[in-house]
Amino acid sequence: MPVSAPAAAKIETVIGPNAHFRGDVQSDGGMRIDGIFEGNVEVIGNLVIGESAKVVAEITAQNVSISGAVKGNVNGNRVEILETGRVWGDLTINSLLLNEGAYFRGRTMMHGDIEPPMIEAPKRTAEPEKKPVPVEEHRAKIVDVEPRPKQPEEKNNEEVSRPNA
């Protein structure tokens, strides 16, 4: 006898491509949005945002698959943004899958308090100590220059006073 999928995996609620829904939705089963949705979505099961969907909402669901446009924060176990999916908002998740071509603008925060493994920092080799150079050594020095004596060629260019004849 085949085993049926859990209720959370079944799509029980559909907002069709010609529907425009404004408000809050809570569902114990799965949900699919193909139309325009504005409000809040709380789904215990899976949420599918279809390619034609335009959603402006705060979303909470077990798993979220996004092919359409979503503006708002998403909180869930697993979020998948498919190649036609576009998301503007923050994700609080356990797992994220971004397909090639997907667009995501926001921040991600992972659930849980999983600590990273402690890895020892690489040991640094001893480098010769570099001493700071005082600022004065970097500045240009101003030097007084005395005028140079006139050269014989320069005297030809000077006006010569002639005695009156």
C-alpha atoms as a PDB file:
ATOM      1  CA  MET A   1       0.000   0.000   0.000  1.00  0.00           C
ATOM      2  CA  PRO A   2       1.554   3.376  -1.005  1.00  0.00           C
ATOM      3  CA  VAL A   3       2.334   5.833   1.725  1.00  0.00           C
ATOM      4  CA  SER A   4       0.618   9.199   1.301  1.00  0.00           C
ATOM      5  CA  ALA A   5       2.560  12.409   1.675  1.00  0.00           C
ATOM      6  CA  PRO A   6       2.130  14.212   4.986  1.00  0.00           C
ATOM      7  CA  ALA A   7      -0.607  16.851   5.084  1.00  0.00           C
ATOM      8  CA  ALA A   8       1.996  19.613   5.289  1.00  0.00           C
ATOM      9  CA  ALA A   9       3.395  18.599   1.886  1.00  0.00           C
ATOM     10  CA  LYS A  10       0.006  18.697   0.131  1.00  0.00           C
ATOM     11  CA  ILE A  11      -1.117  21.912  -1.513  1.00  0.00           C
ATOM     12  CA  GLU A  12      -4.497  22.651   0.066  1.00  0.00           C
ATOM     13  CA  THR A  13      -4.839  26.373  -0.617  1.00  0.00           C
ATOM     14  CA  VAL A  14      -4.320  28.031  -4.001  1.00  0.00           C
ATOM     15  CA  ILE A  15      -4.491  31.711  -4.878  1.00  0.00           C
ATOM     16  CA  GLY A  16      -4.857  31.545  -8.652  1.00  0.00           C
ATOM     17  CA  PRO A  17      -3.157  33.700 -11.286  1.00  0.00           C
ATOM     18  CA  ASN A  18      -6.246  35.917 -11.702  1.00  0.00           C
ATOM     19  CA  ALA A  19      -6.770  36.446  -7.958  1.00  0.00           C
ATOM     20  CA  HIS A  20      -5.783  39.501  -5.938  1.00  0.00           C
ATOM     21  CA  PHE A  21      -5.751  38.766  -2.203  1.00  0.00           C
ATOM     22  CA  ARG A  22      -5.160  41.296   0.566  1.00  0.00           C
ATOM     23  CA  GLY A  23      -5.010  40.181   4.208  1.00  0.00           C
ATOM     24  CA  ASP A  24      -3.538  37.492   6.428  1.00  0.00           C
ATOM     25  CA  VAL A  25      -3.565  33.765   5.709  1.00  0.00           C
ATOM     26  CA  GLN A  26      -2.834  30.944   8.140  1.00  0.00           C
ATOM     27  CA  SER A  27      -2.798  27.355   6.952  1.00  0.00           C
ATOM     28  CA  ASP A  28      -1.949  23.996   8.503  1.00  0.00           C
ATOM     29  CA  GLY A  29      -1.350  22.550   5.041  1.00  0.00           C
ATOM     30  CA  GLY A  30       0.577  23.570   1.954  1.00  0.00           C
ATOM     31  CA  MET A  31      -0.222  26.672  -0.078  1.00  0.00           C
ATOM     32  CA  ARG A  32       0.462  27.965  -3.591  1.00  0.00           C
ATOM     33  CA  ILE A  33       0.275  31.590  -4.734  1.00  0.00           C
ATOM     34  CA  ASP A  34       0.114  32.365  -8.458  1.00  0.00           C
ATOM     35  CA  GLY A  35      -1.694  35.705  -8.259  1.00  0.00           C
ATOM     36  CA  ILE A  36      -1.175  38.949  -6.360  1.00  0.00           C
ATOM     37  CA  PHE A  37      -0.945  38.695  -2.576  1.00  0.00           C
ATOM     38  CA  GLU A  38      -0.508  41.478  -0.011  1.00  0.00           C
ATOM     39  CA  GLY A  39      -0.407  40.809   3.726  1.00  0.00           C
ATOM     40  CA  ASN A  40       1.007  38.039   5.912  1.00  0.00           C
ATOM     41  CA  VAL A  41       1.352  34.325   5.198  1.00  0.00           C
ATOM     42  CA  GLU A  42       1.766  31.720   7.931  1.00  0.00           C
ATOM     43  CA  VAL A  43       1.932  28.175   6.615  1.00  0.00           C
ATOM     44  CA  ILE A  44       2.876  25.142   8.679  1.00  0.00           C
ATOM     45  CA  GLY A  45       3.576  23.227   5.469  1.00  0.00           C
ATOM     46  CA  ASN A  46       5.178  24.206   2.192  1.00  0.00           C
ATOM     47  CA  LEU A  47       4.606  27.472   0.358  1.00  0.00           C
ATOM     48  CA  VAL A  48       5.046  27.717  -3.407  1.00  0.00           C
ATOM     49  CA  ILE A  49       5.261  31.163  -5.002  1.00  0.00           C
ATOM     50  CA  GLY A  50       4.509  30.587  -8.695  1.00  0.00           C
ATOM     51  CA  GLU A  51       6.233  32.315 -11.598  1.00  0.00           C
ATOM     52  CA  SER A  52       3.327  34.721 -12.212  1.00  0.00           C
ATOM     53  CA  ALA A  53       2.960  35.631  -8.510  1.00  0.00           C
ATOM     54  CA  LYS A  54       3.590  39.071  -7.059  1.00  0.00           C
ATOM     55  CA  VAL A  55       3.755  38.864  -3.266  1.00  0.00           C
ATOM     56  CA  VAL A  56       4.233  41.703  -0.786  1.00  0.00           C
ATOM     57  CA  ALA A  57       4.153  39.938   2.564  1.00  0.00           C
ATOM     58  CA  GLU A  58       5.853  38.726   5.692  1.00  0.00           C
ATOM     59  CA  ILE A  59       6.146  34.973   5.135  1.00  0.00           C
ATOM     60  CA  THR A  60       6.534  32.135   7.625  1.00  0.00           C
ATOM     61  CA  ALA A  61       6.511  28.571   6.282  1.00  0.00           C
ATOM     62  CA  GLN A  62       8.318  25.277   6.696  1.00  0.00           C
ATOM     63  CA  ASN A  63       9.711  25.313   3.147  1.00  0.00           C
ATOM     64  CA  VAL A  64       9.364  28.094   0.584  1.00  0.00           C
ATOM     65  CA  SER A  65       9.914  27.727  -3.164  1.00  0.00           C
ATOM     66  CA  ILE A  66       9.977  31.036  -5.046  1.00  0.00           C
ATOM     67  CA  SER A  67       9.588  31.370  -8.820  1.00  0.00           C
ATOM     68  CA  GLY A  68       7.812  34.744  -8.804  1.00  0.00           C
ATOM     69  CA  ALA A  69       8.432  38.092  -7.089  1.00  0.00           C
ATOM     70  CA  VAL A  70       8.472  38.495  -3.295  1.00  0.00           C
ATOM     71  CA  LYS A  71       8.942  41.730  -1.380  1.00  0.00           C
ATOM     72  CA  GLY A  72       9.128  41.091   2.357  1.00  0.00           C
ATOM     73  CA  ASN A  73      10.904  38.987   4.938  1.00  0.00           C
ATOM     74  CA  VAL A  74      10.829  35.199   4.817  1.00  0.00           C
ATOM     75  CA  ASN A  75      11.170  32.969   7.877  1.00  0.00           C
ATOM     76  CA  GLY A  76      11.411  29.247   7.299  1.00  0.00           C
ATOM     77  CA  ASN A  77      13.383  26.058   7.422  1.00  0.00           C
ATOM     78  CA  ARG A  78      14.382  25.958   3.756  1.00  0.00           C
ATOM     79  CA  VAL A  79      14.062  28.639   1.079  1.00  0.00           C
ATOM     80  CA  GLU A  80      14.654  27.946  -2.596  1.00  0.00           C
ATOM     81  CA  ILE A  81      14.796  30.818  -5.086  1.00  0.00           C
ATOM     82  CA  LEU A  82      14.445  29.403  -8.583  1.00  0.00           C
ATOM     83  CA  GLU A  83      15.898  30.937 -11.770  1.00  0.00           C
ATOM     84  CA  THR A  84      12.829  33.155 -12.337  1.00  0.00           C
ATOM     85  CA  GLY A  85      12.484  34.036  -8.644  1.00  0.00           C
ATOM     86  CA  ARG A  86      13.144  37.522  -7.294  1.00  0.00           C
ATOM     87  CA  VAL A  87      13.289  38.403  -3.597  1.00  0.00           C
ATOM     88  CA  TRP A  88      13.672  41.775  -1.908  1.00  0.00           C
ATOM     89  CA  GLY A  89      13.817  41.134   1.834  1.00  0.00           C
ATOM     90  CA  ASP A  90      15.626  39.373   4.639  1.00  0.00           C
ATOM     91  CA  LEU A  91      15.695  35.600   5.068  1.00  0.00           C
ATOM     92  CA  THR A  92      15.816  33.818   8.441  1.00  0.00           C
ATOM     93  CA  ILE A  93      16.371  30.188   7.520  1.00  0.00           C
ATOM     94  CA  ASN A  94      18.201  26.897   8.055  1.00  0.00           C
ATOM     95  CA  SER A  95      18.925  26.260   4.381  1.00  0.00           C
ATOM     96  CA  LEU A  96      19.103  28.425   1.251  1.00  0.00           C
ATOM     97  CA  LEU A  97      19.253  27.381  -2.383  1.00  0.00           C
ATOM     98  CA  LEU A  98      19.733  30.019  -5.088  1.00  0.00           C
ATOM     99  CA  ASN A  99      19.442  28.769  -8.631  1.00  0.00           C
ATOM    100  CA  GLU A 100      21.417  30.410 -11.421  1.00  0.00           C
ATOM    101  CA  GLY A 101      19.502  33.459 -12.623  1.00  0.00           C
ATOM    102  CA  ALA A 102      17.709  33.985  -9.305  1.00  0.00           C
ATOM    103  CA  TYR A 103      17.717  37.489  -7.808  1.00  0.00           C
ATOM    104  CA  PHE A 104      18.049  38.118  -4.075  1.00  0.00           C
ATOM    105  CA  ARG A 105      18.548  41.460  -2.382  1.00  0.00           C
ATOM    106  CA  GLY A 106      18.582  41.328   1.392  1.00  0.00           C
ATOM    107  CA  ARG A 107      20.299  39.687   4.319  1.00  0.00           C
ATOM    108  CA  THR A 108      20.329  36.093   5.467  1.00  0.00           C
ATOM    109  CA  MET A 109      20.397  34.858   9.020  1.00  0.00           C
ATOM    110  CA  MET A 110      20.692  31.199   9.864  1.00  0.00           C
ATOM    111  CA  HIS A 111      18.578  29.618  12.630  1.00  0.00           C
ATOM    112  CA  GLY A 112      20.235  27.817  15.496  1.00  0.00           C
ATOM    113  CA  ASP A 113      23.247  28.216  17.669  1.00  0.00           C
ATOM    114  CA  ILE A 114      25.660  26.052  15.740  1.00  0.00           C
ATOM    115  CA  GLU A 115      29.185  27.003  16.664  1.00  0.00           C
ATOM    116  CA  PRO A 116      31.874  26.832  13.986  1.00  0.00           C
ATOM    117  CA  PRO A 117      34.660  24.322  14.591  1.00  0.00           C
ATOM    118  CA  MET A 118      37.587  25.933  16.312  1.00  0.00           C
ATOM    119  CA  ILE A 119      40.423  26.070  13.863  1.00  0.00           C
ATOM    120  CA  GLU A 120      43.787  27.305  14.958  1.00  0.00           C
ATOM    121  CA  ALA A 121      44.906  30.444  13.205  1.00  0.00           C
ATOM    122  CA  PRO A 122      47.922  29.948  10.937  1.00  0.00           C
ATOM    123  CA  LYS A 123      51.192  30.724  12.615  1.00  0.00           C
ATOM    124  CA  ARG A 124      52.862  33.857  11.387  1.00  0.00           C
ATOM    125  CA  THR A 125      56.487  33.785  10.406  1.00  0.00           C
ATOM    126  CA  ALA A 126      58.690  36.308  12.089  1.00  0.00           C
ATOM    127  CA  GLU A 127      59.047  39.347   9.875  1.00  0.00           C
ATOM    128  CA  PRO A 128      61.634  42.023  10.474  1.00  0.00           C
ATOM    129  CA  GLU A 129      60.120  44.744  12.567  1.00  0.00           C
ATOM    130  CA  LYS A 130      59.260  47.804  10.541  1.00  0.00           C
ATOM    131  CA  LYS A 131      59.824  51.028  12.381  1.00  0.00           C
ATOM    132  CA  PRO A 132      57.561  53.936  11.616  1.00  0.00           C
ATOM    133  CA  VAL A 133      59.190  56.756   9.700  1.00  0.00           C
ATOM    134  CA  PRO A 134      58.703  60.176  11.314  1.00  0.00           C
ATOM    135  CA  VAL A 135      56.481  62.503   9.317  1.00  0.00           C
ATOM    136  CA  GLU A 136      59.230  65.075   9.018  1.00  0.00           C
ATOM    137  CA  GLU A 137      61.264  62.721   6.828  1.00  0.00           C
ATOM    138  CA  HIS A 138      58.418  62.503   4.333  1.00  0.00           C
ATOM    139  CA  ARG A 139      57.908  66.232   3.945  1.00  0.00           C
ATOM    140  CA  ALA A 140      59.615  68.257   1.243  1.00  0.00           C
ATOM    141  CA  LYS A 141      62.344  70.517   2.537  1.00  0.00           C
ATOM    142  CA  ILE A 142      62.396  74.185   1.643  1.00  0.00           C
ATOM    143  CA  VAL A 143      65.859  75.445   0.877  1.00  0.00           C
ATOM    144  CA  ASP A 144      66.910  79.090   0.556  1.00  0.00           C
ATOM    145  CA  VAL A 145      68.572  79.647  -2.781  1.00  0.00           C
ATOM    146  CA  GLU A 146      70.779  82.630  -3.450  1.00  0.00           C
ATOM    147  CA  PRO A 147      70.501  84.226  -6.882  1.00  0.00           C
ATOM    148  CA  ARG A 148      73.252  82.981  -9.117  1.00  0.00           C
ATOM    149  CA  PRO A 149      75.737  85.407 -10.572  1.00  0.00           C
ATOM    150  CA  LYS A 150      75.010  86.730 -14.027  1.00  0.00           C
ATOM    151  CA  GLN A 151      76.762  85.005 -16.841  1.00  0.00           C
ATOM    152  CA  PRO A 152      78.538  86.917 -19.628  1.00  0.00           C
ATOM    153  CA  GLU A 153      75.804  85.968 -22.142  1.00  0.00           C
ATOM    154  CA  GLU A 154      73.198  87.531 -19.944  1.00  0.00           C
ATOM    155  CA  LYS A 155      75.072  90.866 -19.923  1.00  0.00           C
ATOM    156  CA  ASN A 156      74.439  91.276 -23.653  1.00  0.00           C
ATOM    157  CA  ASN A 157      70.745  91.378 -23.023  1.00  0.00           C
ATOM    158  CA  GLU A 158      70.990  94.111 -20.403  1.00  0.00           C
ATOM    159  CA  GLU A 159      70.488  97.710 -21.291  1.00  0.00           C
ATOM    160  CA  VAL A 160      73.793  99.436 -21.394  1.00  0.00           C
ATOM    161  CA  SER A 161      73.949 103.039 -20.443  1.00  0.00           C
ATOM    162  CA  ARG A 162      75.912 105.041 -22.939  1.00  0.00           C
ATOM    163  CA  PRO A 163      77.485 108.335 -22.291  1.00  0.00           C
ATOM    164  CA  ASN A 164      75.778 111.196 -24.030  1.00  0.00           C
ATOM    165  CA  ALA A 165      77.561 112.159 -27.143  1.00  0.00           C
END
